[in-house]
Amino acid sequence: MHYGGYGDGGIGWGGWVAMVVMMVVFWGAIAWVIVTLIRHSGQRADQPPPGASDALQILDQRFARGEIDDEEYQRRRTTLRDTR
């Protein structure tokens, strides 16, 4: 017996398009999770937050020029590293 057309219990074009879209969404979500894990695994707990690195560089330069003493330098450096 020959089955033809859309009346054979198949999913049709709409079903195939939905499956393709869902596969793209699924693999996109997997890729996003992997990228997120890789990005966060590179950050250690003792690293300053991204914006603080500029402030630490400025602080290092001020200390090197002699604008601030060691005590103030250490206090500010600790403050910048603890700010997250």
N, C-alpha and C. Protein backbone atom coordinates (compact mmCIF):
# COMPACT_ATOMS: atom_id res chain seq x y z
N MET A 1 0.84 -1.16 0.00
CA MET A 1 0.00 0.00 0.00
C MET A 1 0.89 1.24 0.00
N HIS A 2 0.50 2.25 -0.70
CA HIS A 2 1.30 3.47 -0.83
C HIS A 2 0.71 4.57 0.06
N TYR A 3 1.58 5.15 0.90
CA TYR A 3 1.16 6.27 1.72
C TYR A 3 1.78 7.53 1.12
N GLY A 4 1.02 8.54 0.92
CA GLY A 4 1.56 9.76 0.32
C GLY A 4 0.93 11.00 0.92
N GLY A 5 1.53 12.10 0.65
CA GLY A 5 1.00 13.38 1.10
C GLY A 5 1.21 13.60 2.59
N TYR A 6 0.42 14.51 3.12
CA TYR A 6 0.55 14.87 4.53
C TYR A 6 -0.35 14.05 5.44
N GLY A 7 -1.15 13.20 4.88
CA GLY A 7 -2.08 12.44 5.68
C GLY A 7 -1.49 11.14 6.21
N ASP A 8 -0.17 10.97 6.11
CA ASP A 8 0.43 9.71 6.52
C ASP A 8 0.92 9.70 7.96
N GLY A 9 0.59 10.69 8.73
CA GLY A 9 1.00 10.73 10.12
C GLY A 9 2.37 11.35 10.34
N GLY A 10 2.99 11.90 9.28
CA GLY A 10 4.28 12.57 9.41
C GLY A 10 4.14 13.93 10.06
N ILE A 11 5.27 14.54 10.37
CA ILE A 11 5.21 15.82 11.06
C ILE A 11 5.11 17.01 10.12
N GLY A 12 5.41 16.82 8.84
CA GLY A 12 5.27 17.89 7.87
C GLY A 12 6.39 18.91 7.98
N TRP A 13 6.33 19.92 7.13
CA TRP A 13 7.39 20.94 7.08
C TRP A 13 7.49 21.76 8.36
N GLY A 14 6.36 22.07 8.95
CA GLY A 14 6.37 22.86 10.18
C GLY A 14 7.10 22.15 11.32
N GLY A 15 6.92 20.87 11.41
CA GLY A 15 7.61 20.09 12.44
C GLY A 15 9.10 20.05 12.22
N TRP A 16 9.51 19.92 10.96
CA TRP A 16 10.95 19.90 10.66
C TRP A 16 11.60 21.24 10.97
N VAL A 17 10.93 22.31 10.63
CA VAL A 17 11.46 23.65 10.92
C VAL A 17 11.57 23.85 12.43
N ALA A 18 10.55 23.41 13.17
CA ALA A 18 10.58 23.55 14.63
C ALA A 18 11.73 22.74 15.22
N MET A 19 11.97 21.53 14.69
CA MET A 19 13.08 20.71 15.20
C MET A 19 14.43 21.37 14.93
N VAL A 20 14.59 21.95 13.74
CA VAL A 20 15.86 22.62 13.41
C VAL A 20 16.07 23.82 14.33
N VAL A 21 15.03 24.60 14.55
CA VAL A 21 15.13 25.77 15.43
C VAL A 21 15.49 25.33 16.85
N MET A 22 14.85 24.29 17.34
CA MET A 22 15.14 23.82 18.70
C MET A 22 16.57 23.28 18.82
N MET A 23 17.08 22.62 17.78
CA MET A 23 18.46 22.14 17.81
C MET A 23 19.44 23.31 17.85
N VAL A 24 19.17 24.35 17.08
CA VAL A 24 20.04 25.53 17.09
C VAL A 24 20.02 26.18 18.47
N VAL A 25 18.83 26.29 19.06
CA VAL A 25 18.72 26.87 20.41
C VAL A 25 19.46 26.00 21.42
N PHE A 26 19.30 24.70 21.33
CA PHE A 26 19.96 23.78 22.25
C PHE A 26 21.48 23.90 22.17
N TRP A 27 22.04 23.81 20.97
CA TRP A 27 23.49 23.88 20.82
C TRP A 27 24.02 25.28 21.14
N GLY A 28 23.23 26.31 20.89
CA GLY A 28 23.62 27.66 21.28
C GLY A 28 23.71 27.80 22.80
N ALA A 29 22.75 27.19 23.50
CA ALA A 29 22.78 27.23 24.97
C ALA A 29 23.98 26.47 25.51
N ILE A 30 24.30 25.33 24.91
CA ILE A 30 25.47 24.55 25.34
C ILE A 30 26.75 25.39 25.13
N ALA A 31 26.87 26.03 23.97
CA ALA A 31 28.05 26.85 23.69
C ALA A 31 28.14 28.01 24.67
N TRP A 32 27.01 28.63 25.00
CA TRP A 32 27.00 29.76 25.94
C TRP A 32 27.49 29.30 27.32
N VAL A 33 27.03 28.15 27.77
CA VAL A 33 27.45 27.63 29.08
C VAL A 33 28.96 27.37 29.08
N ILE A 34 29.47 26.77 28.02
CA ILE A 34 30.90 26.47 27.95
C ILE A 34 31.72 27.76 27.96
N VAL A 35 31.33 28.74 27.16
CA VAL A 35 32.07 30.01 27.12
C VAL A 35 32.02 30.70 28.47
N THR A 36 30.87 30.70 29.12
CA THR A 36 30.74 31.33 30.44
C THR A 36 31.64 30.64 31.46
N LEU A 37 31.67 29.32 31.45
CA LEU A 37 32.53 28.60 32.39
C LEU A 37 34.00 28.88 32.13
N ILE A 38 34.39 28.96 30.88
CA ILE A 38 35.79 29.24 30.55
C ILE A 38 36.17 30.64 31.00
N ARG A 39 35.30 31.60 30.76
CA ARG A 39 35.60 32.98 31.16
C ARG A 39 35.74 33.11 32.67
N HIS A 40 34.87 32.47 33.42
CA HIS A 40 34.90 32.59 34.88
C HIS A 40 35.97 31.72 35.53
N SER A 41 36.39 30.68 34.85
CA SER A 41 37.43 29.83 35.44
C SER A 41 38.79 30.52 35.41
N GLY A 42 38.98 31.49 34.54
CA GLY A 42 40.24 32.21 34.45
C GLY A 42 40.43 33.26 35.53
N GLN A 43 39.35 33.62 36.22
CA GLN A 43 39.44 34.63 37.27
C GLN A 43 39.70 33.95 38.61
N ARG A 44 40.76 34.39 39.26
CA ARG A 44 41.07 33.86 40.59
C ARG A 44 40.49 34.79 41.64
N ALA A 45 40.36 34.27 42.84
CA ALA A 45 39.77 35.05 43.92
C ALA A 45 40.66 36.20 44.34
N ASP A 46 42.00 36.07 44.17
CA ASP A 46 42.89 37.12 44.62
C ASP A 46 43.10 38.21 43.58
N GLN A 47 42.47 38.08 42.42
CA GLN A 47 42.60 39.11 41.39
C GLN A 47 41.63 40.25 41.69
N PRO A 48 42.05 41.48 41.40
CA PRO A 48 41.14 42.59 41.59
C PRO A 48 40.06 42.58 40.51
N PRO A 49 38.93 43.24 40.75
CA PRO A 49 37.91 43.31 39.73
C PRO A 49 38.45 44.05 38.50
N PRO A 50 37.85 43.85 37.32
CA PRO A 50 38.38 44.44 36.09
C PRO A 50 38.58 45.95 36.15
N GLY A 51 37.67 46.70 36.73
CA GLY A 51 37.80 48.15 36.79
C GLY A 51 38.87 48.62 37.77
N ALA A 52 39.20 47.78 38.72
CA ALA A 52 40.16 48.16 39.75
C ALA A 52 41.59 48.13 39.24
N SER A 53 41.85 47.42 38.14
CA SER A 53 43.23 47.34 37.66
C SER A 53 43.76 48.70 37.23
N ASP A 54 42.90 49.54 36.64
CA ASP A 54 43.31 50.89 36.28
C ASP A 54 43.63 51.70 37.53
N ALA A 55 42.80 51.57 38.54
CA ALA A 55 43.03 52.30 39.78
C ALA A 55 44.31 51.82 40.45
N LEU A 56 44.58 50.51 40.39
CA LEU A 56 45.81 49.99 40.97
C LEU A 56 47.04 50.50 40.22
N GLN A 57 46.94 50.63 38.92
CA GLN A 57 48.06 51.16 38.15
C GLN A 57 48.34 52.62 38.52
N ILE A 58 47.28 53.39 38.67
CA ILE A 58 47.44 54.79 39.08
C ILE A 58 48.06 54.86 40.47
N LEU A 59 47.58 54.00 41.37
CA LEU A 59 48.12 53.96 42.73
C LEU A 59 49.60 53.59 42.71
N ASP A 60 49.97 52.59 41.91
CA ASP A 60 51.37 52.19 41.78
C ASP A 60 52.23 53.35 41.27
N GLN A 61 51.71 54.09 40.30
CA GLN A 61 52.46 55.23 39.76
C GLN A 61 52.64 56.32 40.81
N ARG A 62 51.59 56.60 41.56
CA ARG A 62 51.70 57.63 42.61
C ARG A 62 52.72 57.22 43.66
N PHE A 63 52.75 55.94 44.03
CA PHE A 63 53.71 55.45 45.00
C PHE A 63 55.14 55.55 44.43
N ALA A 64 55.28 55.19 43.17
CA ALA A 64 56.61 55.25 42.53
C ALA A 64 57.12 56.69 42.44
N ARG A 65 56.23 57.65 42.25
CA ARG A 65 56.65 59.05 42.18
C ARG A 65 56.89 59.65 43.56
N GLY A 66 56.51 58.92 44.61
CA GLY A 66 56.72 59.42 45.96
C GLY A 66 55.61 60.32 46.46
N GLU A 67 54.46 60.33 45.79
CA GLU A 67 53.34 61.16 46.21
C GLU A 67 52.65 60.63 47.46
N ILE A 68 52.73 59.33 47.70
CA ILE A 68 52.13 58.73 48.89
C ILE A 68 53.17 57.82 49.55
N ASP A 69 53.03 57.66 50.87
CA ASP A 69 53.99 56.81 51.59
C ASP A 69 53.52 55.35 51.58
N ASP A 70 54.36 54.48 52.11
CA ASP A 70 54.09 53.05 52.08
C ASP A 70 52.81 52.68 52.83
N GLU A 71 52.60 53.31 53.96
CA GLU A 71 51.41 53.01 54.77
C GLU A 71 50.13 53.34 54.01
N GLU A 72 50.08 54.52 53.40
CA GLU A 72 48.89 54.91 52.63
C GLU A 72 48.73 54.03 51.39
N TYR A 73 49.85 53.71 50.76
CA TYR A 73 49.83 52.84 49.58
C TYR A 73 49.20 51.48 49.92
N GLN A 74 49.67 50.86 51.01
CA GLN A 74 49.15 49.55 51.40
C GLN A 74 47.67 49.62 51.76
N ARG A 75 47.28 50.66 52.47
CA ARG A 75 45.88 50.81 52.88
C ARG A 75 44.97 50.95 51.66
N ARG A 76 45.36 51.79 50.72
CA ARG A 76 44.54 51.99 49.52
C ARG A 76 44.53 50.76 48.62
N ARG A 77 45.67 50.09 48.54
CA ARG A 77 45.74 48.88 47.72
C ARG A 77 44.81 47.79 48.28
N THR A 78 44.80 47.65 49.60
CA THR A 78 43.91 46.69 50.23
C THR A 78 42.44 47.05 49.98
N THR A 79 42.15 48.33 50.08
CA THR A 79 40.78 48.80 49.82
C THR A 79 40.35 48.49 48.40
N LEU A 80 41.23 48.75 47.42
CA LEU A 80 40.89 48.49 46.03
C LEU A 80 40.73 47.00 45.75
N ARG A 81 41.54 46.17 46.34
CA ARG A 81 41.43 44.72 46.11
C ARG A 81 40.18 44.13 46.76
N ASP A 82 39.77 44.70 47.90
CA ASP A 82 38.60 44.16 48.60
C ASP A 82 37.29 44.65 48.01
N THR A 83 37.33 45.69 47.20
CA THR A 83 36.12 46.23 46.59
C THR A 83 35.73 45.35 45.41
N ARG A 84 34.60 44.67 45.52
CA ARG A 84 34.14 43.78 44.42
C ARG A 84 32.69 44.02 44.17
